[in-house]
Amino acid sequence: MRAPLFPCLALLAAPLAWAQPDPNAFDPLLDVPPRSAQPTRPTPKEDFRSPGFFVGGLGGVYLGDTRSYLTEELSELRSDVNGTVAVGLGWRTRSLIELGLDVGLGFGSTWSPEQQTDKDALDILAQPRILAHWFERPTWGTYAGVGGDMVFYDLEPAGLNQASAGATAIVGVQWRTGPHSLIFLEAGFGGQFDFLAYRFEDPTADELMEDPELTRKKITGAWFPFGRLSLGYRLTALGG
């Protein structure tokens, strides 16, 4: 007994009709991928200048006329080279300008009239500063600026021998050891005015001819050369 031809063909074609693809389905080869509803933003690059608050430590020497000398007849600073350790803090702006303050101890010496020799002395050094980072790269840079030096010599319970203030020109170079740390090498040279310095001068022959009663006069205050060499480490961008 033969089955009808048309129903058989319909049964065979049914799976093919069900298997035909949806013409509206996404084709990765022909269609453009749909855009995201919220486009991704590029990640901002970190500012290698590390603006913000910083803190660090340094060690080095201060030199020039930095040895205290005090007697009844003469008060002055004399040539020497002394070691120092200090801490520094400040703020690096997003421009080339940096503001800072270094405060430290100096391991100097002073003249002892009783022993007729020099002895160890403790000095206090402070330097507010303003710097300009005129050349910078992600790994290193150079800077220059000016600092206002204040030094108190031979600090002890009885008082101090000398106290000076002045200006120092500063140049330095720094190397970045990480995104928030760097090493710097710095030099500064200038002058300091010693407010406690004094000396006595005898009147000249011409002055005595005009006034035979003249006696020695006391000259107070004097300028002396001053400089620093420092090597330090700094933690940067502690807030900004």
Protein backbone atom coordinates (compact mmCIF):
# COMPACT_ATOMS: atom_id res chain seq x y z
CA MET A 1 0.00 0.00 0.00
CA ARG A 2 1.53 3.26 -1.08
CA ALA A 3 1.49 6.40 1.13
CA PRO A 4 0.32 9.65 -0.41
CA LEU A 5 3.26 11.61 -1.89
CA PHE A 6 2.37 15.15 -0.71
CA PRO A 7 2.08 14.41 3.00
CA CYS A 8 5.43 12.63 2.95
CA LEU A 9 7.20 15.57 1.34
CA ALA A 10 5.65 17.94 3.88
CA LEU A 11 6.97 15.83 6.76
CA LEU A 12 10.49 15.84 5.25
CA ALA A 13 10.55 19.61 4.67
CA ALA A 14 9.31 20.59 8.13
CA PRO A 15 12.70 20.25 9.92
CA LEU A 16 14.38 22.38 7.25
CA ALA A 17 11.83 25.16 7.73
CA TRP A 18 12.34 25.10 11.48
CA ALA A 19 16.17 25.25 11.09
CA GLN A 20 16.29 28.43 8.93
CA PRO A 21 18.16 31.32 10.73
CA ASP A 22 16.48 34.50 11.93
CA PRO A 23 17.21 37.25 9.36
CA ASN A 24 17.35 39.85 12.16
CA ALA A 25 19.95 37.94 14.26
CA PHE A 26 23.42 39.55 14.80
CA ASP A 27 26.09 38.37 12.34
CA PRO A 28 29.62 39.01 13.71
CA LEU A 29 31.06 39.04 10.19
CA LEU A 30 28.60 41.44 8.56
CA ASP A 31 27.09 43.54 11.34
CA VAL A 32 28.64 46.44 13.38
CA PRO A 33 28.85 45.65 17.12
CA PRO A 34 26.39 47.65 19.22
CA ARG A 35 27.78 50.59 21.20
CA SER A 36 27.90 50.44 24.98
CA ALA A 37 25.33 52.55 26.75
CA GLN A 38 28.10 54.10 28.92
CA PRO A 39 31.33 54.66 26.96
CA THR A 40 34.49 53.92 28.91
CA ARG A 41 36.64 56.91 29.86
CA PRO A 42 40.42 56.79 29.42
CA THR A 43 42.30 56.35 32.69
CA PRO A 44 44.05 59.66 33.57
CA LYS A 45 47.84 59.50 33.69
CA GLU A 46 49.47 60.05 37.08
CA ASP A 47 51.30 63.38 37.38
CA PHE A 48 54.98 62.43 37.73
CA ARG A 49 55.66 65.76 39.49
CA SER A 50 53.83 64.36 42.55
CA PRO A 51 52.14 67.61 43.63
CA GLY A 52 51.02 67.93 47.23
CA PHE A 53 52.53 67.70 50.70
CA PHE A 54 55.97 66.11 51.12
CA VAL A 55 58.29 65.18 53.99
CA GLY A 56 61.85 63.87 54.05
CA GLY A 57 65.23 63.73 55.71
CA LEU A 58 68.70 64.84 54.70
CA GLY A 59 72.30 64.83 55.81
CA GLY A 60 75.35 66.78 54.74
CA VAL A 61 77.67 69.59 55.74
CA TYR A 62 77.48 73.33 56.27
CA LEU A 63 80.65 75.25 55.56
CA GLY A 64 82.22 78.66 55.24
CA ASP A 65 82.59 80.72 58.42
CA THR A 66 80.66 78.40 60.73
CA ARG A 67 82.86 78.00 63.83
CA SER A 68 81.95 80.16 66.79
CA TYR A 69 84.67 82.26 68.43
CA LEU A 70 83.83 84.37 71.49
CA THR A 71 86.09 86.20 73.95
CA GLU A 72 85.79 89.48 75.82
CA GLU A 73 87.67 91.23 73.01
CA LEU A 74 86.28 89.52 69.91
CA SER A 75 83.12 87.74 68.79
CA GLU A 76 83.04 86.28 65.27
CA LEU A 77 82.67 83.20 63.05
CA ARG A 78 85.68 81.41 61.63
CA SER A 79 86.23 79.00 58.75
CA ASP A 80 85.11 75.40 59.30
CA VAL A 81 83.20 72.44 57.82
CA ASN A 82 80.58 70.78 60.06
CA GLY A 83 78.13 67.91 59.71
CA THR A 84 74.36 68.29 59.87
CA VAL A 85 71.16 66.22 59.85
CA ALA A 86 67.74 67.73 59.17
CA VAL A 87 64.11 67.08 58.34
CA GLY A 88 62.29 68.86 55.55
CA LEU A 89 58.64 69.40 54.74
CA GLY A 90 56.68 71.49 52.29
CA TRP A 91 54.26 71.66 49.40
CA ARG A 92 54.83 71.01 45.71
CA THR A 93 52.35 72.90 43.55
CA ARG A 94 51.04 71.67 40.20
CA SER A 95 53.26 74.25 38.55
CA LEU A 96 57.05 74.41 38.69
CA ILE A 97 57.07 76.07 42.17
CA GLU A 98 57.88 74.28 45.44
CA LEU A 99 57.70 75.75 48.96
CA GLY A 100 59.55 74.13 51.85
CA LEU A 101 61.23 74.36 55.23
CA ASP A 102 64.31 72.48 56.50
CA VAL A 103 65.14 72.35 60.21
CA GLY A 104 68.17 70.50 61.56
CA LEU A 105 71.01 70.06 64.02
CA GLY A 106 74.58 71.06 63.29
CA PHE A 107 77.57 69.39 64.91
CA GLY A 108 79.96 72.31 65.10
CA SER A 109 82.67 73.62 67.40
CA THR A 110 83.37 76.71 69.47
CA TRP A 111 86.38 78.30 71.16
CA SER A 112 86.74 77.63 74.89
CA PRO A 113 88.66 80.46 76.61
CA GLU A 114 89.01 78.37 79.76
CA GLN A 115 90.62 75.43 77.96
CA GLN A 116 92.26 77.57 75.25
CA THR A 117 91.09 75.14 72.58
CA ASP A 118 88.04 74.33 70.45
CA LYS A 119 85.31 72.11 71.87
CA ASP A 120 82.23 70.44 70.35
CA ALA A 121 79.09 72.55 70.03
CA LEU A 122 75.50 72.00 68.98
CA ASP A 123 74.04 74.39 66.41
CA ILE A 124 70.45 74.84 65.16
CA LEU A 125 69.81 75.49 61.46
CA ALA A 126 66.56 76.52 59.75
CA GLN A 127 65.94 77.34 56.10
CA PRO A 128 62.62 78.40 54.56
CA ARG A 129 62.91 78.05 50.78
CA ILE A 130 61.24 78.57 47.42
CA LEU A 131 62.35 76.50 44.44
CA ALA A 132 61.54 76.34 40.74
CA HIS A 133 61.79 72.94 38.97
CA TRP A 134 62.86 74.37 35.63
CA PHE A 135 63.71 70.99 34.04
CA GLU A 136 61.75 67.80 34.81
CA ARG A 137 61.45 64.32 33.40
CA PRO A 138 59.57 61.28 34.78
CA THR A 139 62.82 59.84 36.19
CA TRP A 140 64.92 62.89 37.08
CA GLY A 141 65.06 66.68 37.11
CA THR A 142 66.92 69.79 38.20
CA TYR A 143 65.84 72.82 40.21
CA ALA A 144 67.06 76.17 41.52
CA GLY A 145 65.86 78.74 44.00
CA VAL A 146 66.67 80.70 47.13
CA GLY A 147 66.59 79.98 50.85
CA GLY A 148 66.61 82.18 53.94
CA ASP A 149 69.14 80.68 56.35
CA MET A 150 68.98 81.15 60.11
CA VAL A 151 71.70 79.62 62.31
CA PHE A 152 72.08 79.62 66.10
CA TYR A 153 75.60 78.67 67.16
CA ASP A 154 76.74 76.88 70.33
CA LEU A 155 73.31 76.33 71.83
CA GLU A 156 73.52 75.59 75.59
CA PRO A 157 71.59 76.42 78.79
CA ALA A 158 73.71 79.53 79.37
CA GLY A 159 72.73 80.94 75.98
CA LEU A 160 74.36 80.99 72.55
CA ASN A 161 77.50 82.53 71.13
CA GLN A 162 76.41 83.63 67.65
CA ALA A 163 73.11 84.09 65.80
CA SER A 164 73.00 84.78 62.08
CA ALA A 165 70.58 85.13 59.18
CA GLY A 166 71.07 85.48 55.46
CA ALA A 167 70.17 84.34 51.97
CA THR A 168 71.47 81.33 50.05
CA ALA A 169 71.20 80.53 46.33
CA ILE A 170 70.23 76.87 45.84
CA VAL A 171 70.75 74.41 42.96
CA GLY A 172 69.95 70.70 42.99
CA VAL A 173 69.22 67.53 41.06
CA GLN A 174 66.75 64.78 41.98
CA TRP A 175 66.16 61.16 40.91
CA ARG A 176 62.76 59.49 41.32
CA THR A 177 62.92 56.07 42.99
CA GLY A 178 59.16 55.49 42.76
CA PRO A 179 55.85 57.26 42.09
CA HIS A 180 55.97 58.88 45.54
CA SER A 181 59.66 58.95 46.50
CA LEU A 182 62.88 60.55 45.31
CA ILE A 183 66.55 61.15 46.18
CA PHE A 184 68.08 64.61 45.83
CA LEU A 185 71.56 66.16 45.88
CA GLU A 186 71.71 69.87 46.63
CA ALA A 187 74.18 72.73 47.07
CA GLY A 188 73.66 76.27 48.36
CA PHE A 189 75.99 79.23 48.86
CA GLY A 190 75.47 82.75 50.15
CA GLY A 191 76.15 85.02 53.11
CA GLN A 192 74.98 85.42 56.70
CA PHE A 193 74.90 88.43 58.99
CA ASP A 194 76.00 87.62 62.55
CA PHE A 195 74.00 89.82 64.92
CA LEU A 196 76.15 88.91 67.95
CA ALA A 197 79.55 89.52 66.36
CA TYR A 198 81.63 92.42 67.64
CA ARG A 199 85.14 93.79 67.65
CA PHE A 200 86.96 96.78 69.12
CA GLU A 201 88.81 99.38 67.07
CA ASP A 202 91.35 101.87 68.38
CA PRO A 203 91.00 105.47 67.17
CA THR A 204 93.29 106.48 64.33
CA ALA A 205 96.07 109.04 64.71
CA ASP A 206 94.01 111.63 62.85
CA GLU A 207 91.02 111.01 65.14
CA LEU A 208 93.23 111.38 68.24
CA MET A 209 94.62 114.67 66.96
CA GLU A 210 91.06 115.99 66.71
CA ASP A 211 89.98 114.50 70.04
CA PRO A 212 92.70 113.16 72.39
CA GLU A 213 90.01 111.79 74.71
CA LEU A 214 88.79 109.22 72.22
CA THR A 215 88.87 105.59 73.34
CA ARG A 216 88.28 102.30 71.61
CA LYS A 217 84.88 101.86 69.97
CA LYS A 218 82.88 98.67 69.69
CA ILE A 219 81.80 97.57 66.18
CA THR A 220 78.83 95.19 66.25
CA GLY A 221 77.57 92.83 63.55
CA ALA A 222 79.45 91.36 60.60
CA TRP A 223 78.88 89.41 57.35
CA PHE A 224 80.35 85.95 56.81
CA PRO A 225 80.21 83.41 53.95
CA PHE A 226 77.95 80.38 54.35
CA GLY A 227 77.15 77.26 52.31
CA ARG A 228 75.49 73.84 52.39
CA LEU A 229 75.91 70.47 50.66
CA SER A 230 73.09 67.97 51.24
CA LEU A 231 71.97 64.50 50.20
CA GLY A 232 68.42 63.50 51.11
CA TYR A 233 65.38 61.26 50.62
CA ARG A 234 61.79 62.47 50.26
CA LEU A 235 58.29 61.01 50.31
CA THR A 236 56.00 62.97 47.99
CA ALA A 237 52.30 63.43 47.19
CA LEU A 238 51.15 62.70 50.75
CA GLY A 239 48.03 64.71 50.00
CA GLY A 240 47.15 66.95 47.14
